[in-house]
PDB file of N, CA and C in Angstrom:
ATOM      1  N   MET A   1      35.282  22.292 -45.608  1.00  0.00           N
ATOM      2  CA  MET A   1      34.513  22.281 -44.667  1.00  0.00           C
ATOM      3  C   MET A   1      33.061  22.444 -45.528  1.00  0.00           C
ATOM      4  N   PRO A   2      31.512  21.132 -45.199  1.00  0.00           N
ATOM      5  CA  PRO A   2      30.672  21.563 -46.564  1.00  0.00           C
ATOM      6  C   PRO A   2      30.014  22.045 -46.483  1.00  0.00           C
ATOM      7  N   SER A   3      29.690  23.464 -47.451  1.00  0.00           N
ATOM      8  CA  SER A   3      28.610  24.305 -47.124  1.00  0.00           C
ATOM      9  C   SER A   3      27.468  23.806 -47.698  1.00  0.00           C
ATOM     10  N   LEU A   4      26.387  25.130 -47.201  1.00  0.00           N
ATOM     11  CA  LEU A   4      24.610  24.552 -46.993  1.00  0.00           C
ATOM     12  C   LEU A   4      24.320  24.308 -48.397  1.00  0.00           C
ATOM     13  N   ASN A   5      24.758  24.707 -49.963  1.00  0.00           N
ATOM     14  CA  ASN A   5      25.065  25.000 -50.958  1.00  0.00           C
ATOM     15  C   ASN A   5      24.953  23.257 -51.280  1.00  0.00           C
ATOM     16  N   ASP A   6      25.834  22.523 -50.598  1.00  0.00           N
ATOM     17  CA  ASP A   6      26.002  21.111 -51.112  1.00  0.00           C
ATOM     18  C   ASP A   6      24.940  20.235 -50.237  1.00  0.00           C
ATOM     19  N   SER A   7      24.118  20.724 -49.557  1.00  0.00           N
ATOM     20  CA  SER A   7      22.886  19.597 -48.644  1.00  0.00           C
ATOM     21  C   SER A   7      22.003  19.629 -50.073  1.00  0.00           C
ATOM     22  N   ARG A   8      21.331  18.296 -49.526  1.00  0.00           N
ATOM     23  CA  ARG A   8      19.990  17.909 -50.905  1.00  0.00           C
ATOM     24  C   ARG A   8      19.176  18.716 -49.945  1.00  0.00           C
ATOM     25  N   PRO A   9      17.734  18.473 -50.642  1.00  0.00           N
ATOM     26  CA  PRO A   9      16.486  19.341 -50.155  1.00  0.00           C
ATOM     27  C   PRO A   9      16.415  17.768 -49.384  1.00  0.00           C
ATOM     28  N   GLY A  10      15.691  18.125 -48.226  1.00  0.00           N
ATOM     29  CA  GLY A  10      14.702  17.017 -47.325  1.00  0.00           C
ATOM     30  C   GLY A  10      16.235  16.955 -45.698  1.00  0.00           C
ATOM     31  N   THR A  11      17.024  17.063 -45.760  1.00  0.00           N
ATOM     32  CA  THR A  11      18.149  17.396 -44.909  1.00  0.00           C
ATOM     33  C   THR A  11      17.998  18.430 -44.001  1.00  0.00           C
ATOM     34  N   THR A  12      18.848  17.977 -42.957  1.00  0.00           N
ATOM     35  CA  THR A  12      18.508  19.290 -41.606  1.00  0.00           C
ATOM     36  C   THR A  12      19.800  19.470 -41.307  1.00  0.00           C
ATOM     37  N   VAL A  13      20.840  19.925 -41.597  1.00  0.00           N
ATOM     38  CA  VAL A  13      21.753  20.624 -40.770  1.00  0.00           C
ATOM     39  C   VAL A  13      21.985  22.144 -39.981  1.00  0.00           C
ATOM     40  N   ARG A  14      23.305  21.634 -39.335  1.00  0.00           N
ATOM     41  CA  ARG A  14      23.316  22.965 -38.508  1.00  0.00           C
ATOM     42  C   ARG A  14      24.619  23.450 -39.200  1.00  0.00           C
ATOM     43  N   ILE A  15      24.383  25.229 -38.317  1.00  0.00           N
ATOM     44  CA  ILE A  15      25.303  25.852 -39.574  1.00  0.00           C
ATOM     45  C   ILE A  15      26.414  26.070 -38.256  1.00  0.00           C
ATOM     46  N   THR A  16      27.791  25.822 -39.219  1.00  0.00           N
ATOM     47  CA  THR A  16      28.877  25.863 -38.090  1.00  0.00           C
ATOM     48  C   THR A  16      29.317  27.577 -38.628  1.00  0.00           C
ATOM     49  N   GLY A  17      29.668  28.558 -39.259  1.00  0.00           N
ATOM     50  CA  GLY A  17      29.987  29.279 -39.334  1.00  0.00           C
ATOM     51  C   GLY A  17      29.618  30.529 -40.428  1.00  0.00           C
ATOM     52  N   ILE A  18      30.032  31.327 -40.960  1.00  0.00           N
ATOM     53  CA  ILE A  18      30.115  31.804 -42.253  1.00  0.00           C
ATOM     54  C   ILE A  18      31.316  32.443 -42.591  1.00  0.00           C
ATOM     55  N   ASP A  19      31.464  31.970 -43.889  1.00  0.00           N
ATOM     56  CA  ASP A  19      32.951  32.011 -44.947  1.00  0.00           C
ATOM     57  C   ASP A  19      33.139  33.782 -44.637  1.00  0.00           C
ATOM     58  N   PRO A  20      34.307  33.446 -43.820  1.00  0.00           N
ATOM     59  CA  PRO A  20      34.830  34.805 -43.519  1.00  0.00           C
ATOM     60  C   PRO A  20      35.126  35.942 -44.577  1.00  0.00           C
ATOM     61  N   GLY A  21      35.183  35.468 -45.879  1.00  0.00           N
ATOM     62  CA  GLY A  21      34.815  35.941 -47.365  1.00  0.00           C
ATOM     63  C   GLY A  21      34.196  37.131 -47.586  1.00  0.00           C
ATOM     64  N   GLN A  22      33.186  36.783 -46.949  1.00  0.00           N
ATOM     65  CA  GLN A  22      31.431  37.004 -46.647  1.00  0.00           C
ATOM     66  C   GLN A  22      31.788  38.765 -46.428  1.00  0.00           C
ATOM     67  N   ALA A  23      31.019  39.581 -47.359  1.00  0.00           N
ATOM     68  CA  ALA A  23      31.007  40.886 -46.589  1.00  0.00           C
ATOM     69  C   ALA A  23      30.551  41.178 -45.234  1.00  0.00           C
ATOM     70  N   GLY A  24      30.637  42.229 -45.049  1.00  0.00           N
ATOM     71  CA  GLY A  24      30.512  42.638 -43.337  1.00  0.00           C
ATOM     72  C   GLY A  24      28.680  42.634 -43.680  1.00  0.00           C
ATOM     73  N   GLY A  25      28.582  43.572 -44.818  1.00  0.00           N
ATOM     74  CA  GLY A  25      26.659  43.614 -44.834  1.00  0.00           C
ATOM     75  C   GLY A  25      26.116  42.460 -44.318  1.00  0.00           C
ATOM     76  N   SER A  26      26.664  41.547 -45.553  1.00  0.00           N
ATOM     77  CA  SER A  26      25.940  40.543 -45.849  1.00  0.00           C
ATOM     78  C   SER A  26      26.179  39.817 -44.789  1.00  0.00           C
ATOM     79  N   ARG A  27      27.203  39.840 -44.466  1.00  0.00           N
ATOM     80  CA  ARG A  27      27.381  38.457 -42.983  1.00  0.00           C
ATOM     81  C   ARG A  27      26.260  39.030 -42.149  1.00  0.00           C
ATOM     82  N   ARG A  28      26.363  40.526 -41.500  1.00  0.00           N
ATOM     83  CA  ARG A  28      25.368  40.938 -40.274  1.00  0.00           C
ATOM     84  C   ARG A  28      24.061  40.189 -40.719  1.00  0.00           C
ATOM     85  N   ARG A  29      23.731  40.549 -42.299  1.00  0.00           N
ATOM     86  CA  ARG A  29      22.377  40.207 -42.332  1.00  0.00           C
ATOM     87  C   ARG A  29      21.636  38.568 -42.215  1.00  0.00           C
ATOM     88  N   LEU A  30      22.819  38.050 -42.685  1.00  0.00           N
ATOM     89  CA  LEU A  30      23.110  36.528 -42.208  1.00  0.00           C
ATOM     90  C   LEU A  30      22.833  35.884 -40.731  1.00  0.00           C
ATOM     91  N   LEU A  31      23.463  37.042 -40.132  1.00  0.00           N
ATOM     92  CA  LEU A  31      23.219  36.898 -38.378  1.00  0.00           C
ATOM     93  C   LEU A  31      22.099  37.114 -38.201  1.00  0.00           C
ATOM     94  N   GLU A  32      21.690  37.877 -38.253  1.00  0.00           N
ATOM     95  CA  GLU A  32      19.836  38.722 -37.922  1.00  0.00           C
ATOM     96  C   GLU A  32      18.929  38.177 -38.166  1.00  0.00           C
ATOM     97  N   PHE A  33      19.291  37.116 -39.617  1.00  0.00           N
ATOM     98  CA  PHE A  33      18.128  36.557 -40.076  1.00  0.00           C
ATOM     99  C   PHE A  33      18.233  34.903 -39.097  1.00  0.00           C
ATOM    100  N   GLY A  34      19.448  34.947 -38.291  1.00  0.00           N
ATOM    101  CA  GLY A  34      19.266  33.900 -37.509  1.00  0.00           C
ATOM    102  C   GLY A  34      20.174  32.568 -37.715  1.00  0.00           C
ATOM    103  N   PHE A  35      21.085  32.946 -39.032  1.00  0.00           N
ATOM    104  CA  PHE A  35      21.745  31.968 -39.344  1.00  0.00           C
ATOM    105  C   PHE A  35      22.979  32.128 -38.404  1.00  0.00           C
ATOM    106  N   VAL A  36      23.348  31.583 -37.166  1.00  0.00           N
ATOM    107  CA  VAL A  36      24.346  31.780 -36.181  1.00  0.00           C
ATOM    108  C   VAL A  36      25.043  30.337 -36.244  1.00  0.00           C
ATOM    109  N   PRO A  37      25.757  30.030 -35.425  1.00  0.00           N
ATOM    110  CA  PRO A  37      26.263  28.660 -35.269  1.00  0.00           C
ATOM    111  C   PRO A  37      25.601  27.711 -34.555  1.00  0.00           C
ATOM    112  N   GLY A  38      25.032  27.098 -34.804  1.00  0.00           N
ATOM    113  CA  GLY A  38      24.326  26.036 -34.148  1.00  0.00           C
ATOM    114  C   GLY A  38      22.939  25.936 -34.778  1.00  0.00           C
ATOM    115  N   ALA A  39      22.722  26.675 -34.931  1.00  0.00           N
ATOM    116  CA  ALA A  39      21.281  26.819 -35.786  1.00  0.00           C
ATOM    117  C   ALA A  39      20.830  25.830 -36.340  1.00  0.00           C
ATOM    118  N   ALA A  40      19.781  24.887 -36.306  1.00  0.00           N
ATOM    119  CA  ALA A  40      19.320  24.123 -37.487  1.00  0.00           C
ATOM    120  C   ALA A  40      18.740  24.611 -38.578  1.00  0.00           C
ATOM    121  N   VAL A  41      19.059  23.914 -40.157  1.00  0.00           N
ATOM    122  CA  VAL A  41      18.378  24.658 -41.118  1.00  0.00           C
ATOM    123  C   VAL A  41      17.818  23.290 -42.035  1.00  0.00           C
ATOM    124  N   THR A  42      17.217  23.226 -42.168  1.00  0.00           N
ATOM    125  CA  THR A  42      16.339  22.150 -43.010  1.00  0.00           C
ATOM    126  C   THR A  42      16.559  22.520 -44.711  1.00  0.00           C
ATOM    127  N   VAL A  43      16.683  21.967 -45.786  1.00  0.00           N
ATOM    128  CA  VAL A  43      16.670  22.511 -47.135  1.00  0.00           C
ATOM    129  C   VAL A  43      15.471  21.812 -47.641  1.00  0.00           C
ATOM    130  N   ILE A  44      14.406  22.691 -47.937  1.00  0.00           N
ATOM    131  CA  ILE A  44      13.318  22.634 -48.400  1.00  0.00           C
ATOM    132  C   ILE A  44      12.813  22.427 -49.765  1.00  0.00           C
ATOM    133  N   ALA A  45      13.656  23.256 -50.379  1.00  0.00           N
ATOM    134  CA  ALA A  45      13.996  22.702 -51.773  1.00  0.00           C
ATOM    135  C   ALA A  45      15.036  23.717 -52.627  1.00  0.00           C
ATOM    136  N   ARG A  46      15.406  22.825 -54.275  1.00  0.00           N
ATOM    137  CA  ARG A  46      16.176  24.155 -54.858  1.00  0.00           C
ATOM    138  C   ARG A  46      16.244  24.476 -55.738  1.00  0.00           C
ATOM    139  N   GLY A  47      16.120  25.750 -56.708  1.00  0.00           N
ATOM    140  CA  GLY A  47      15.521  26.094 -57.166  1.00  0.00           C
ATOM    141  C   GLY A  47      16.468  25.815 -58.560  1.00  0.00           C
ATOM    142  N   ALA A  48      15.786  26.127 -59.875  1.00  0.00           N
ATOM    143  CA  ALA A  48      16.345  26.123 -61.256  1.00  0.00           C
ATOM    144  C   ALA A  48      17.791  26.345 -61.372  1.00  0.00           C
ATOM    145  N   THR A  49      18.012  27.652 -61.230  1.00  0.00           N
ATOM    146  CA  THR A  49      19.435  28.573 -61.063  1.00  0.00           C
ATOM    147  C   THR A  49      20.030  28.551 -59.786  1.00  0.00           C
ATOM    148  N   GLY A  50      19.719  27.073 -58.940  1.00  0.00           N
ATOM    149  CA  GLY A  50      20.533  26.893 -57.590  1.00  0.00           C
ATOM    150  C   GLY A  50      20.968  27.229 -56.281  1.00  0.00           C
ATOM    151  N   GLY A  51      19.537  28.338 -56.333  1.00  0.00           N
ATOM    152  CA  GLY A  51      19.065  28.766 -55.005  1.00  0.00           C
ATOM    153  C   GLY A  51      18.558  27.765 -54.154  1.00  0.00           C
ATOM    154  N   LEU A  52      18.389  28.315 -52.874  1.00  0.00           N
ATOM    155  CA  LEU A  52      18.064  27.125 -51.808  1.00  0.00           C
ATOM    156  C   LEU A  52      16.839  27.961 -51.131  1.00  0.00           C
ATOM    157  N   LEU A  53      15.400  27.111 -50.537  1.00  0.00           N
ATOM    158  CA  LEU A  53      14.847  27.724 -50.007  1.00  0.00           C
ATOM    159  C   LEU A  53      14.438  26.474 -48.467  1.00  0.00           C
ATOM    160  N   VAL A  54      14.863  27.561 -47.694  1.00  0.00           N
ATOM    161  CA  VAL A  54      15.326  26.725 -46.241  1.00  0.00           C
ATOM    162  C   VAL A  54      14.263  27.081 -45.371  1.00  0.00           C
ATOM    163  N   GLY A  55      14.232  26.130 -44.089  1.00  0.00           N
ATOM    164  CA  GLY A  55      13.789  26.539 -43.332  1.00  0.00           C
ATOM    165  C   GLY A  55      14.882  27.122 -41.937  1.00  0.00           C
ATOM    166  N   LEU A  56      14.123  27.742 -41.505  1.00  0.00           N
ATOM    167  CA  LEU A  56      14.856  28.206 -40.230  1.00  0.00           C
ATOM    168  C   LEU A  56      13.997  28.875 -38.968  1.00  0.00           C
ATOM    169  N   GLY A  57      13.769  27.673 -37.873  1.00  0.00           N
ATOM    170  CA  GLY A  57      13.010  27.576 -37.055  1.00  0.00           C
ATOM    171  C   GLY A  57      11.561  27.632 -37.986  1.00  0.00           C
ATOM    172  N   ASP A  58      10.830  28.485 -37.402  1.00  0.00           N
ATOM    173  CA  ASP A  58       9.569  28.665 -38.357  1.00  0.00           C
ATOM    174  C   ASP A  58       9.562  29.961 -39.519  1.00  0.00           C
ATOM    175  N   THR A  59      10.618  30.268 -39.625  1.00  0.00           N
ATOM    176  CA  THR A  59      10.686  31.027 -41.185  1.00  0.00           C
ATOM    177  C   THR A  59      11.188  30.281 -42.428  1.00  0.00           C
ATOM    178  N   ARG A  60      10.853  30.693 -43.504  1.00  0.00           N
ATOM    179  CA  ARG A  60      11.498  29.892 -44.621  1.00  0.00           C
ATOM    180  C   ARG A  60      12.234  31.014 -45.138  1.00  0.00           C
ATOM    181  N   VAL A  61      13.334  31.083 -45.706  1.00  0.00           N
ATOM    182  CA  VAL A  61      14.110  32.022 -46.410  1.00  0.00           C
ATOM    183  C   VAL A  61      14.580  31.497 -47.730  1.00  0.00           C
ATOM    184  N   ALA A  62      14.611  32.100 -48.819  1.00  0.00           N
ATOM    185  CA  ALA A  62      15.089  31.718 -50.188  1.00  0.00           C
ATOM    186  C   ALA A  62      16.886  32.397 -49.796  1.00  0.00           C
ATOM    187  N   LEU A  63      17.942  31.824 -50.538  1.00  0.00           N
ATOM    188  CA  LEU A  63      18.931  32.300 -50.890  1.00  0.00           C
ATOM    189  C   LEU A  63      19.389  31.917 -51.886  1.00  0.00           C
ATOM    190  N   ASP A  64      20.150  33.158 -52.712  1.00  0.00           N
ATOM    191  CA  ASP A  64      20.856  32.483 -53.766  1.00  0.00           C
ATOM    192  C   ASP A  64      21.840  31.125 -53.695  1.00  0.00           C
ATOM    193  N   SER A  65      22.427  30.897 -54.729  1.00  0.00           N
ATOM    194  CA  SER A  65      23.689  29.864 -54.155  1.00  0.00           C
ATOM    195  C   SER A  65      24.762  30.670 -53.839  1.00  0.00           C
ATOM    196  N   ARG A  66      25.363  31.610 -53.980  1.00  0.00           N
ATOM    197  CA  ARG A  66      26.807  31.790 -53.840  1.00  0.00           C
ATOM    198  C   ARG A  66      26.286  32.160 -51.850  1.00  0.00           C
ATOM    199  N   THR A  67      24.969  32.891 -51.518  1.00  0.00           N
ATOM    200  CA  THR A  67      25.121  32.697 -50.181  1.00  0.00           C
ATOM    201  C   THR A  67      25.103  31.965 -49.604  1.00  0.00           C
ATOM    202  N   ALA A  68      24.310  30.667 -50.388  1.00  0.00           N
ATOM    203  CA  ALA A  68      23.983  29.378 -49.177  1.00  0.00           C
ATOM    204  C   ALA A  68      25.717  28.924 -49.881  1.00  0.00           C
ATOM    205  N   GLY A  69      26.559  28.928 -50.407  1.00  0.00           N
ATOM    206  CA  GLY A  69      27.679  28.594 -50.887  1.00  0.00           C
ATOM    207  C   GLY A  69      28.757  29.034 -49.681  1.00  0.00           C
ATOM    208  N   ARG A  70      28.626  29.985 -48.666  1.00  0.00           N
ATOM    209  CA  ARG A  70      29.173  30.721 -47.893  1.00  0.00           C
ATOM    210  C   ARG A  70      28.950  30.074 -46.508  1.00  0.00           C
ATOM    211  N   LEU A  71      28.033  29.888 -46.793  1.00  0.00           N
ATOM    212  CA  LEU A  71      27.371  29.611 -44.979  1.00  0.00           C
ATOM    213  C   LEU A  71      27.638  28.181 -44.326  1.00  0.00           C
ATOM    214  N   ARG A  72      29.156  28.143 -43.734  1.00  0.00           N
ATOM    215  CA  ARG A  72      29.781  26.464 -43.163  1.00  0.00           C
ATOM    216  C   ARG A  72      28.694  25.698 -42.631  1.00  0.00           C
ATOM    217  N   CYS A  73      28.432  24.034 -42.747  1.00  0.00           N
ATOM    218  CA  CYS A  73      27.360  23.641 -41.895  1.00  0.00           C
ATOM    219  C   CYS A  73      27.777  22.283 -41.601  1.00  0.00           C
ATOM    220  N   GLY A  74      27.310  21.475 -40.840  1.00  0.00           N
ATOM    221  CA  GLY A  74      27.864  20.003 -40.626  1.00  0.00           C
ATOM    222  C   GLY A  74      26.268  19.000 -39.561  1.00  0.00           C
ATOM    223  N   ARG A  75      26.440  18.180 -39.358  1.00  0.00           N
ATOM    224  CA  ARG A  75      25.159  17.518 -38.928  1.00  0.00           C
ATOM    225  C   ARG A  75      25.336  17.601 -37.561  1.00  0.00           C
TER     226      ARG A  75
END
């Protein structure tokens, strides 16, 4: 299943889950931010080191590439 890290800037995807390998505290923080199954996320930009700037509702969130790689997504 593709991860958010596989998405290109300008695309909108839906979160399908969080990699079970994600540590409990980090997983909970992502859920609190709104990265829940079914949430629409738009990739706004990719940084030079692979991190992503994403839009989640009216909020913009910067994710490092490792964290983005653990967010499973689909269309």
